[in-house]
C-alpha atoms as a PDB file:
ATOM      1  CA  MET A   1      39.962  74.323 209.646  1.00  0.00           C
ATOM      2  CA  ASP A   2      38.973  74.952 206.064  1.00  0.00           C
ATOM      3  CA  ALA A   3      35.926  73.474 204.300  1.00  0.00           C
ATOM      4  CA  ASP A   4      37.666  70.277 203.123  1.00  0.00           C
ATOM      5  CA  GLU A   5      39.051  69.591 206.581  1.00  0.00           C
ATOM      6  CA  ARG A   6      35.587  70.097 208.073  1.00  0.00           C
ATOM      7  CA  GLU A   7      34.046  67.611 205.626  1.00  0.00           C
ATOM      8  CA  ILE A   8      36.595  64.965 206.556  1.00  0.00           C
ATOM      9  CA  TYR A   9      36.292  65.777 210.259  1.00  0.00           C
ATOM     10  CA  GLN A  10      32.488  65.506 210.258  1.00  0.00           C
ATOM     11  CA  PHE A  11      32.624  62.231 208.322  1.00  0.00           C
ATOM     12  CA  LEU A  12      35.168  60.656 210.672  1.00  0.00           C
ATOM     13  CA  LYS A  13      33.348  61.984 213.723  1.00  0.00           C
ATOM     14  CA  SER A  14      30.326  59.902 212.756  1.00  0.00           C
ATOM     15  CA  TRP A  15      32.494  56.751 212.915  1.00  0.00           C
ATOM     16  CA  GLY A  16      33.754  57.426 216.447  1.00  0.00           C
ATOM     17  CA  SER A  17      37.067  55.771 217.294  1.00  0.00           C
ATOM     18  CA  GLN A  18      37.044  53.352 214.353  1.00  0.00           C
ATOM     19  CA  PHE A  19      39.823  53.625 211.747  1.00  0.00           C
ATOM     20  CA  ILE A  20      38.528  54.308 208.207  1.00  0.00           C
ATOM     21  CA  ALA A  21      40.329  53.511 204.948  1.00  0.00           C
ATOM     22  CA  SER A  22      41.800  56.347 202.943  1.00  0.00           C
ATOM     23  CA  ARG A  23      39.812  55.478 199.829  1.00  0.00           C
ATOM     24  CA  GLU A  24      36.588  55.366 201.822  1.00  0.00           C
ATOM     25  CA  ILE A  25      37.224  58.891 203.116  1.00  0.00           C
ATOM     26  CA  CYS A  26      37.762  60.153 199.565  1.00  0.00           C
ATOM     27  CA  ARG A  27      34.616  58.418 198.377  1.00  0.00           C
ATOM     28  CA  ARG A  28      32.187  59.357 201.127  1.00  0.00           C
ATOM     29  CA  ALA A  29      33.330  62.614 202.705  1.00  0.00           C
ATOM     30  CA  GLY A  30      33.170  64.779 199.590  1.00  0.00           C
ATOM     31  CA  GLY A  31      30.173  63.223 197.922  1.00  0.00           C
ATOM     32  CA  LYS A  32      29.676  61.174 194.778  1.00  0.00           C
ATOM     33  CA  GLN A  33      30.276  63.994 192.280  1.00  0.00           C
ATOM     34  CA  ARG A  34      33.563  65.057 193.819  1.00  0.00           C
ATOM     35  CA  SER A  35      34.907  61.520 194.149  1.00  0.00           C
ATOM     36  CA  HIS A  36      34.286  60.928 190.432  1.00  0.00           C
ATOM     37  CA  GLN A  37      35.986  64.169 189.404  1.00  0.00           C
ATOM     38  CA  GLU A  38      38.937  63.927 191.801  1.00  0.00           C
ATOM     39  CA  PRO A  39      39.355  60.404 193.269  1.00  0.00           C
ATOM     40  CA  GLU A  40      42.287  61.405 195.522  1.00  0.00           C
ATOM     41  CA  TRP A  41      41.102  64.874 196.571  1.00  0.00           C
ATOM     42  CA  ALA A  42      41.404  64.146 200.292  1.00  0.00           C
ATOM     43  CA  LYS A  43      45.019  62.941 200.303  1.00  0.00           C
ATOM     44  CA  PRO A  44      46.735  66.332 200.884  1.00  0.00           C
ATOM     45  CA  VAL A  45      43.985  67.407 203.266  1.00  0.00           C
ATOM     46  CA  ARG A  46      44.377  64.267 205.401  1.00  0.00           C
ATOM     47  CA  LEU A  47      48.143  64.702 205.557  1.00  0.00           C
ATOM     48  CA  ARG A  48      47.700  68.318 206.635  1.00  0.00           C
ATOM     49  CA  MET A  49      45.251  67.230 209.334  1.00  0.00           C
ATOM     50  CA  VAL A  50      47.740  64.643 210.618  1.00  0.00           C
ATOM     51  CA  GLU A  51      50.427  67.339 210.820  1.00  0.00           C
ATOM     52  CA  HIS A  52      48.064  69.605 212.796  1.00  0.00           C
ATOM     53  CA  GLY A  53      47.267  66.761 215.200  1.00  0.00           C
ATOM     54  CA  ILE A  54      43.596  66.415 214.276  1.00  0.00           C
ATOM     55  CA  LEU A  55      43.858  62.917 212.770  1.00  0.00           C
ATOM     56  CA  GLU A  56      45.939  59.872 213.534  1.00  0.00           C
ATOM     57  CA  SER A  57      46.690  56.912 211.305  1.00  0.00           C
ATOM     58  CA  ASN A  58      47.565  53.290 211.902  1.00  0.00           C
ATOM     59  CA  ALA A  59      50.155  51.122 210.147  1.00  0.00           C
ATOM     60  CA  THR A  60      47.760  50.165 207.343  1.00  0.00           C
ATOM     61  CA  GLY A  61      47.018  53.775 206.332  1.00  0.00           C
ATOM     62  CA  HIS A  62      43.579  54.065 207.918  1.00  0.00           C
ATOM     63  CA  PHE A  63      42.604  57.286 209.684  1.00  0.00           C
ATOM     64  CA  ARG A  64      40.478  58.412 212.621  1.00  0.00           C
ATOM     65  CA  ILE A  65      40.060  61.530 214.737  1.00  0.00           C
ATOM     66  CA  LYS A  66      42.804  61.768 217.299  1.00  0.00           C
ATOM     67  CA  ARG A  67      41.623  60.847 220.753  1.00  0.00           C
ATOM     68  CA  PHE A  68      41.195  63.540 223.343  1.00  0.00           C
ATOM     69  CA  PRO A  69      43.475  63.040 226.353  1.00  0.00           C
ATOM     70  CA  ARG A  70      41.403  62.523 229.478  1.00  0.00           C
ATOM     71  CA  ASN A  71      42.430  62.649 233.104  1.00  0.00           C
ATOM     72  CA  ASN A  72      41.428  59.263 234.549  1.00  0.00           C
ATOM     73  CA  LYS A  73      43.235  59.519 237.898  1.00  0.00           C
ATOM     74  CA  ASN A  74      40.169  59.759 240.106  1.00  0.00           C
ATOM     75  CA  LYS A  75      37.797  57.645 238.049  1.00  0.00           C
ATOM     76  CA  GLN A  76      36.765  54.251 239.284  1.00  0.00           C
ATOM     77  CA  TRP A  77      34.611  51.566 237.719  1.00  0.00           C
ATOM     78  CA  VAL A  78      31.153  51.127 239.253  1.00  0.00           C
ATOM     79  CA  SER A  79      29.031  48.028 238.781  1.00  0.00           C
ATOM     80  CA  PRO A  80      25.613  48.530 237.173  1.00  0.00           C
ATOM     81  CA  ASP A  81      23.829  47.554 240.390  1.00  0.00           C
ATOM     82  CA  ILE A  82      25.683  50.113 242.473  1.00  0.00           C
ATOM     83  CA  ALA A  83      25.226  52.739 239.743  1.00  0.00           C
ATOM     84  CA  LYS A  84      21.476  52.140 239.887  1.00  0.00           C
ATOM     85  CA  ILE A  85      21.434  52.578 243.674  1.00  0.00           C
ATOM     86  CA  LEU A  86      23.478  55.766 243.444  1.00  0.00           C
ATOM     87  CA  GLU A  87      21.180  57.186 240.767  1.00  0.00           C
ATOM     88  CA  GLU A  88      18.178  56.519 243.014  1.00  0.00           C
ATOM     89  CA  LYS A  89      19.922  58.515 245.755  1.00  0.00           C
ATOM     90  CA  GLY A  90      20.556  61.412 243.340  1.00  0.00           C
ATOM     91  CA  VAL A  91      24.264  60.872 242.689  1.00  0.00           C
ATOM     92  CA  LYS A  92      25.192  61.409 239.048  1.00  0.00           C
ATOM     93  CA  ILE A  93      27.398  58.692 237.532  1.00  0.00           C
ATOM     94  CA  GLU A  94      29.351  59.493 234.383  1.00  0.00           C
ATOM     95  CA  GLU A  95      29.436  56.580 231.938  1.00  0.00           C
ATOM     96  CA  ALA A  96      32.038  55.974 229.262  1.00  0.00           C
ATOM     97  CA  GLY A  97      30.180  56.233 225.958  1.00  0.00           C
ATOM     98  CA  ALA A  98      31.246  55.772 222.328  1.00  0.00           C
ATOM     99  CA  ASP A  99      32.103  59.472 221.913  1.00  0.00           C
ATOM    100  CA  SER A 100      33.924  59.848 225.232  1.00  0.00           C
ATOM    101  CA  ASP A 101      37.307  59.922 223.479  1.00  0.00           C
ATOM    102  CA  VAL A 102      36.345  62.607 220.967  1.00  0.00           C
ATOM    103  CA  ALA A 103      36.782  66.204 222.058  1.00  0.00           C
ATOM    104  CA  PRO A 104      34.321  68.994 221.293  1.00  0.00           C
ATOM    105  CA  ASP A 105      34.614  70.622 217.868  1.00  0.00           C
ATOM    106  CA  GLU A 106      36.150  73.764 219.373  1.00  0.00           C
ATOM    107  CA  TYR A 107      39.188  71.788 220.520  1.00  0.00           C
ATOM    108  CA  TYR A 108      39.997  70.677 216.972  1.00  0.00           C
ATOM    109  CA  ASP A 109      39.315  74.163 215.566  1.00  0.00           C
ATOM    110  CA  GLN A 110      42.133  75.520 217.743  1.00  0.00           C
ATOM    111  CA  LEU A 111      44.715  73.069 216.385  1.00  0.00           C
END
C-alpha cells in the first residue's frame, strides 16, 4: 500500500465495520489542508483499493474495510454465566469484539 492508501485504511479502521461516505473519507482521511486543495483526492485511491480487495462498498457508495473471512465451524455461543464459570476454572473464552472482523494490517499489505 502507498501513503494515500494507508491514510484511508487507518481512517476506516478506526470506524470498524461501519460504512463511511465517500465525501467524509476525502474530508477526514487526508486532513483539512488537503481536502481544501483537492476535494476529490481519495476517489482514485478508493477505487484502486476496491480492486485490490482491501475495501468494499455498498449500494449507496459508502466504503469500509473488507471483512476478514473467519472459520466459525467449531465456535459456539456461550452464555455470560457459563463464561464466568469457565474463566474461574482457567478456560479462556474468546469473545466477538468490534474489531473481530478486521484482519491484521499485514493481511491488507499483502493484497
